[in-house]
C-alpha atoms as a PDB file:
ATOM      1  CA  MET A   1     -18.069  26.355   7.972  1.00  0.00           C
ATOM      2  CA  ASN A   2     -15.304  23.929   6.950  1.00  0.00           C
ATOM      3  CA  ALA A   3     -16.159  20.305   7.564  1.00  0.00           C
ATOM      4  CA  ARG A   4     -13.022  18.306   8.194  1.00  0.00           C
ATOM      5  CA  LEU A   5     -12.799  15.157   6.098  1.00  0.00           C
ATOM      6  CA  PRO A   6     -12.101  11.991   8.078  1.00  0.00           C
ATOM      7  CA  ASP A   7      -8.549  10.683   7.959  1.00  0.00           C
ATOM      8  CA  VAL A   8      -9.034   7.921   5.423  1.00  0.00           C
ATOM      9  CA  SER A   9      -6.369   6.607   3.098  1.00  0.00           C
ATOM     10  CA  ARG A  10      -5.655   3.675   0.836  1.00  0.00           C
ATOM     11  CA  ILE A  11      -2.236   2.999   2.299  1.00  0.00           C
ATOM     12  CA  ALA A  12      -0.291   3.242   5.561  1.00  0.00           C
ATOM     13  CA  LEU A  13       3.059   2.248   7.042  1.00  0.00           C
ATOM     14  CA  THR A  14       3.611   0.151  10.150  1.00  0.00           C
ATOM     15  CA  PRO A  15       5.928   1.717  12.748  1.00  0.00           C
ATOM     16  CA  ALA A  16       8.681  -0.729  11.670  1.00  0.00           C
ATOM     17  CA  ALA A  17       8.276   0.260   8.019  1.00  0.00           C
ATOM     18  CA  ALA A  18       8.330   3.967   8.949  1.00  0.00           C
ATOM     19  CA  ARG A  19      11.601   3.455  10.891  1.00  0.00           C
ATOM     20  CA  LEU A  20      13.158   1.727   7.890  1.00  0.00           C
ATOM     21  CA  VAL A  21      11.951   4.497   5.566  1.00  0.00           C
ATOM     22  CA  ARG A  22      13.606   7.057   7.878  1.00  0.00           C
ATOM     23  CA  ASP A  23      16.876   5.082   7.845  1.00  0.00           C
ATOM     24  CA  LEU A  24      16.817   4.609   4.073  1.00  0.00           C
ATOM     25  CA  THR A  25      15.998   8.288   3.499  1.00  0.00           C
ATOM     26  CA  ALA A  26      18.975   9.306   5.650  1.00  0.00           C
ATOM     27  CA  ARG A  27      21.247   7.194   3.432  1.00  0.00           C
ATOM     28  CA  HIS A  28      19.672   7.621  -0.009  1.00  0.00           C
ATOM     29  CA  GLY A  29      17.678  10.860   0.038  1.00  0.00           C
ATOM     30  CA  PRO A  30      14.003  11.157  -0.950  1.00  0.00           C
ATOM     31  CA  LEU A  31      12.280   7.840  -1.650  1.00  0.00           C
ATOM     32  CA  MET A  32       9.401   6.344  -3.586  1.00  0.00           C
ATOM     33  CA  PHE A  33       7.622   2.984  -3.664  1.00  0.00           C
ATOM     34  CA  HIS A  34       6.295   1.141  -6.677  1.00  0.00           C
ATOM     35  CA  GLN A  35       4.276  -2.043  -6.753  1.00  0.00           C
ATOM     36  CA  SER A  36       3.903  -3.620 -10.175  1.00  0.00           C
ATOM     37  CA  GLY A  37       1.953  -6.788  -9.507  1.00  0.00           C
ATOM     38  CA  GLY A  38       4.428  -9.146 -11.119  1.00  0.00           C
ATOM     39  CA  CYS A  39       5.199 -12.524  -9.654  1.00  0.00           C
ATOM     40  CA  CYS A  40       7.543 -13.186  -6.749  1.00  0.00           C
ATOM     41  CA  ASP A  41       9.272  -9.988  -5.643  1.00  0.00           C
ATOM     42  CA  GLY A  42       7.401  -8.008  -8.298  1.00  0.00           C
ATOM     43  CA  SER A  43       4.320  -8.261  -6.120  1.00  0.00           C
ATOM     44  CA  SER A  44       6.153  -6.733  -3.152  1.00  0.00           C
ATOM     45  CA  PRO A  45       6.478  -2.983  -2.767  1.00  0.00           C
ATOM     46  CA  MET A  46       9.816  -1.901  -4.161  1.00  0.00           C
ATOM     47  CA  CYS A  47      11.593   1.074  -2.591  1.00  0.00           C
ATOM     48  CA  TYR A  48      13.765   3.306  -4.777  1.00  0.00           C
ATOM     49  CA  PRO A  49      15.419   6.692  -4.577  1.00  0.00           C
ATOM     50  CA  ARG A  50      12.739   9.084  -5.840  1.00  0.00           C
ATOM     51  CA  GLY A  51      12.763   9.256  -9.618  1.00  0.00           C
ATOM     52  CA  GLU A  52      14.914   6.156 -10.106  1.00  0.00           C
ATOM     53  CA  PHE A  53      11.856   4.166 -11.176  1.00  0.00           C
ATOM     54  CA  ARG A  54      10.108   5.916 -14.030  1.00  0.00           C
ATOM     55  CA  THR A  55       6.354   6.089 -13.664  1.00  0.00           C
ATOM     56  CA  GLY A  56       3.975   6.753 -16.505  1.00  0.00           C
ATOM     57  CA  ALA A  57       0.364   6.687 -17.658  1.00  0.00           C
ATOM     58  CA  SER A  58       0.112   3.021 -16.649  1.00  0.00           C
ATOM     59  CA  ASP A  59       0.830   3.882 -12.980  1.00  0.00           C
ATOM     60  CA  VAL A  60      -1.403   5.285 -10.228  1.00  0.00           C
ATOM     61  CA  LEU A  61      -0.145   7.403  -7.330  1.00  0.00           C
ATOM     62  CA  LEU A  62      -1.994   5.957  -4.312  1.00  0.00           C
ATOM     63  CA  ALA A  63      -0.558   8.328  -1.725  1.00  0.00           C
ATOM     64  CA  GLU A  64       2.168  10.715  -0.738  1.00  0.00           C
ATOM     65  CA  LEU A  65       3.065   9.134   2.601  1.00  0.00           C
ATOM     66  CA  VAL A  66       4.075  11.538   5.355  1.00  0.00           C
ATOM     67  CA  VAL A  67       6.666   9.914   7.601  1.00  0.00           C
ATOM     68  CA  GLY A  68       7.784  11.585  10.818  1.00  0.00           C
ATOM     69  CA  GLU A  69      11.329  13.004  10.654  1.00  0.00           C
ATOM     70  CA  VAL A  70      11.368  12.699   6.843  1.00  0.00           C
ATOM     71  CA  ASP A  71      11.296  16.074   5.094  1.00  0.00           C
ATOM     72  CA  GLU A  72       9.509  15.048   1.906  1.00  0.00           C
ATOM     73  CA  PRO A  73       6.517  12.749   1.381  1.00  0.00           C
ATOM     74  CA  VAL A  74       7.206   9.271   0.001  1.00  0.00           C
ATOM     75  CA  GLY A  75       5.134   8.544  -3.097  1.00  0.00           C
ATOM     76  CA  PHE A  76       3.526   5.106  -3.346  1.00  0.00           C
ATOM     77  CA  TRP A  77       2.785   4.073  -6.930  1.00  0.00           C
ATOM     78  CA  MET A  78       1.042   0.998  -8.308  1.00  0.00           C
ATOM     79  CA  SER A  79       0.500  -0.193 -11.848  1.00  0.00           C
ATOM     80  CA  ALA A  80      -2.983   0.811 -13.039  1.00  0.00           C
ATOM     81  CA  ASP A  81      -4.080  -2.726 -13.894  1.00  0.00           C
ATOM     82  CA  GLN A  82      -3.103  -3.932 -10.417  1.00  0.00           C
ATOM     83  CA  PHE A  83      -4.893  -0.958  -8.831  1.00  0.00           C
ATOM     84  CA  GLU A  84      -8.102  -1.990 -10.586  1.00  0.00           C
ATOM     85  CA  ARG A  85      -7.881  -5.344  -8.798  1.00  0.00           C
ATOM     86  CA  TRP A  86      -6.868  -3.819  -5.434  1.00  0.00           C
ATOM     87  CA  ARG A  87      -8.958  -0.615  -5.405  1.00  0.00           C
ATOM     88  CA  HIS A  88     -11.278  -2.103  -2.765  1.00  0.00           C
ATOM     89  CA  THR A  89      -8.432  -2.714  -0.295  1.00  0.00           C
ATOM     90  CA  HIS A  90      -6.501  -0.770   2.294  1.00  0.00           C
ATOM     91  CA  LEU A  91      -2.797  -1.574   2.056  1.00  0.00           C
ATOM     92  CA  THR A  92      -0.312  -1.479   4.908  1.00  0.00           C
ATOM     93  CA  VAL A  93       3.405  -1.527   4.140  1.00  0.00           C
ATOM     94  CA  ASP A  94       5.233  -3.652   6.692  1.00  0.00           C
ATOM     95  CA  VAL A  95       8.785  -4.939   7.005  1.00  0.00           C
ATOM     96  CA  VAL A  96       9.826  -8.494   7.839  1.00  0.00           C
ATOM     97  CA  PRO A  97      13.121 -10.403   8.092  1.00  0.00           C
ATOM     98  CA  GLY A  98      14.373 -11.932   4.874  1.00  0.00           C
ATOM     99  CA  ARG A  99      15.786 -10.856   1.566  1.00  0.00           C
ATOM    100  CA  GLY A 100      13.578  -9.402  -1.112  1.00  0.00           C
ATOM    101  CA  SER A 101      14.554  -8.147  -4.517  1.00  0.00           C
ATOM    102  CA  GLY A 102      18.091  -6.930  -5.107  1.00  0.00           C
ATOM    103  CA  PHE A 103      16.624  -3.774  -6.686  1.00  0.00           C
ATOM    104  CA  SER A 104      14.748  -2.537  -3.612  1.00  0.00           C
ATOM    105  CA  LEU A 105      16.798  -0.360  -1.250  1.00  0.00           C
ATOM    106  CA  GLU A 106      16.129  -2.468   1.849  1.00  0.00           C
ATOM    107  CA  ALA A 107      17.544  -5.688   0.315  1.00  0.00           C
ATOM    108  CA  PRO A 108      21.066  -5.306   1.804  1.00  0.00           C
ATOM    109  CA  GLU A 109      19.528  -4.786   5.276  1.00  0.00           C
ATOM    110  CA  GLY A 110      18.359  -8.415   5.558  1.00  0.00           C
ATOM    111  CA  VAL A 111      14.710  -7.333   5.604  1.00  0.00           C
ATOM    112  CA  ARG A 112      12.037  -6.781   2.999  1.00  0.00           C
ATOM    113  CA  PHE A 113       8.949  -4.662   2.632  1.00  0.00           C
ATOM    114  CA  LEU A 114       5.655  -6.458   2.122  1.00  0.00           C
ATOM    115  CA  ILE A 115       2.006  -5.535   1.817  1.00  0.00           C
ATOM    116  CA  ARG A 116      -0.692  -6.522   4.269  1.00  0.00           C
ATOM    117  CA  SER A 117      -4.204  -5.865   3.051  1.00  0.00           C
ATOM    118  CA  ARG A 118      -7.773  -5.737   4.201  1.00  0.00           C
ATOM    119  CA  LEU A 119     -10.948  -4.753   2.424  1.00  0.00           C
ATOM    120  CA  LEU A 120     -12.045  -1.151   2.801  1.00  0.00           C
ATOM    121  CA  THR A 121     -14.926  -0.581   5.165  1.00  0.00           C
ATOM    122  CA  ASP A 122     -18.074   0.872   3.618  1.00  0.00           C
ATOM    123  CA  HIS A 123     -17.192   4.225   5.206  1.00  0.00           C
ATOM    124  CA  GLU A 124     -13.662   4.207   3.739  1.00  0.00           C
ATOM    125  CA  ALA A 125     -14.976   3.212   0.314  1.00  0.00           C
ATOM    126  CA  ARG A 126     -17.490   6.088   0.356  1.00  0.00           C
ATOM    127  CA  VAL A 127     -14.880   8.652   1.464  1.00  0.00           C
ATOM    128  CA  LEU A 128     -12.436   7.420  -1.198  1.00  0.00           C
ATOM    129  CA  GLY A 129     -15.147   7.595  -3.851  1.00  0.00           C
ATOM    130  CA  ASP A 130     -15.428   3.870  -4.456  1.00  0.00           C
ATOM    131  CA  GLY A 131     -19.109   3.607  -3.547  1.00  0.00           C
ATOM    132  CA  ASN A 132     -19.654   0.209  -2.007  1.00  0.00           C
ATOM    133  CA  ALA A 133     -16.750  -1.393  -3.846  1.00  0.00           C
ATOM    134  CA  ALA A 134     -15.643  -3.333  -0.768  1.00  0.00           C
ATOM    135  CA  ALA A 135     -18.873  -5.304  -0.497  1.00  0.00           C
ATOM    136  CA  ASP A 136     -19.202  -5.650  -4.273  1.00  0.00           C
ATOM    137  CA  ALA A 137     -15.657  -6.991  -4.670  1.00  0.00           C
ATOM    138  CA  ALA A 138     -16.157  -9.541  -1.918  1.00  0.00           C
ATOM    139  CA  GLY A 139     -19.539 -10.596  -3.305  1.00  0.00           C
ATOM    140  CA  LEU A 140     -21.187  -9.733   0.009  1.00  0.00           C
ATOM    141  CA  PRO A 141     -24.599  -8.203   0.626  1.00  0.00           C
ATOM    142  CA  GLN A 142     -24.484  -4.440   1.122  1.00  0.00           C
ATOM    143  CA  ASP A 143     -25.207  -4.685   4.860  1.00  0.00           C
ATOM    144  CA  GLU A 144     -22.304  -6.997   5.832  1.00  0.00           C
ATOM    145  CA  ASP A 145     -19.863  -5.508   8.315  1.00  0.00           C
ATOM    146  CA  ALA A 146     -16.127  -4.963   7.841  1.00  0.00           C
ATOM    147  CA  SER A 147     -15.048  -7.896  10.007  1.00  0.00           C
ATOM    148  CA  ALA A 148     -17.002 -10.314   7.832  1.00  0.00           C
ATOM    149  CA  ARG A 149     -15.429  -8.865   4.688  1.00  0.00           C
ATOM    150  CA  GLU A 150     -11.935  -9.117   6.210  1.00  0.00           C
ATOM    151  CA  SER A 151     -12.432 -12.813   6.922  1.00  0.00           C
ATOM    152  CA  VAL A 152     -13.535 -13.372   3.306  1.00  0.00           C
ATOM    153  CA  CYS A 153     -10.335 -11.685   2.139  1.00  0.00           C
ATOM    154  CA  ARG A 154      -8.220 -13.915   4.383  1.00  0.00           C
ATOM    155  CA  ARG A 155     -10.001 -17.084   3.245  1.00  0.00           C
ATOM    156  CA  SER A 156      -9.722 -16.144  -0.411  1.00  0.00           C
ATOM    157  CA  GLY A 157      -5.953 -15.687  -0.189  1.00  0.00           C
ATOM    158  CA  GLY A 158      -6.393 -12.130  -1.423  1.00  0.00           C
ATOM    159  CA  PRO A 159      -3.472  -9.911  -2.399  1.00  0.00           C
ATOM    160  CA  GLY A 160      -0.864  -9.166   0.213  1.00  0.00           C
ATOM    161  CA  ARG A 161      -1.849 -11.808   2.706  1.00  0.00           C
ATOM    162  CA  ALA A 162       0.820 -12.585   5.243  1.00  0.00           C
END
């Protein structure tokens, strides 16, 4: 008997971000994201033609994002040291008006990608193999619920707040 694993991931796209990924893929071919954790635009997800940004041992592949009407998955990479700080979070790539970095493909469009984050629920953390990292990272007792942890993240000004 095959037990189906729940659909749990570390990262997702909003519908607006998925539309932009489709448009950018049509113009530039297969894409990838990288988030380095630098200051300013370096802390925003940067979108490149796949392979244009060289990844290495200091990078972690968080997901191969499947986007409707895009033939190939879009890899989302993060620097390993930043992943250690963010491993307890679920990240959502969104798009907002404004100009981001000149190196990211969406810059000429007058919009920019950004990350919205929330702490993983206990269930998500278990499925992803992080134990109870969400509660530990927030300094909460093990029995706190996800909504309480999310409010702690918002109050703390955690990564990717919007």
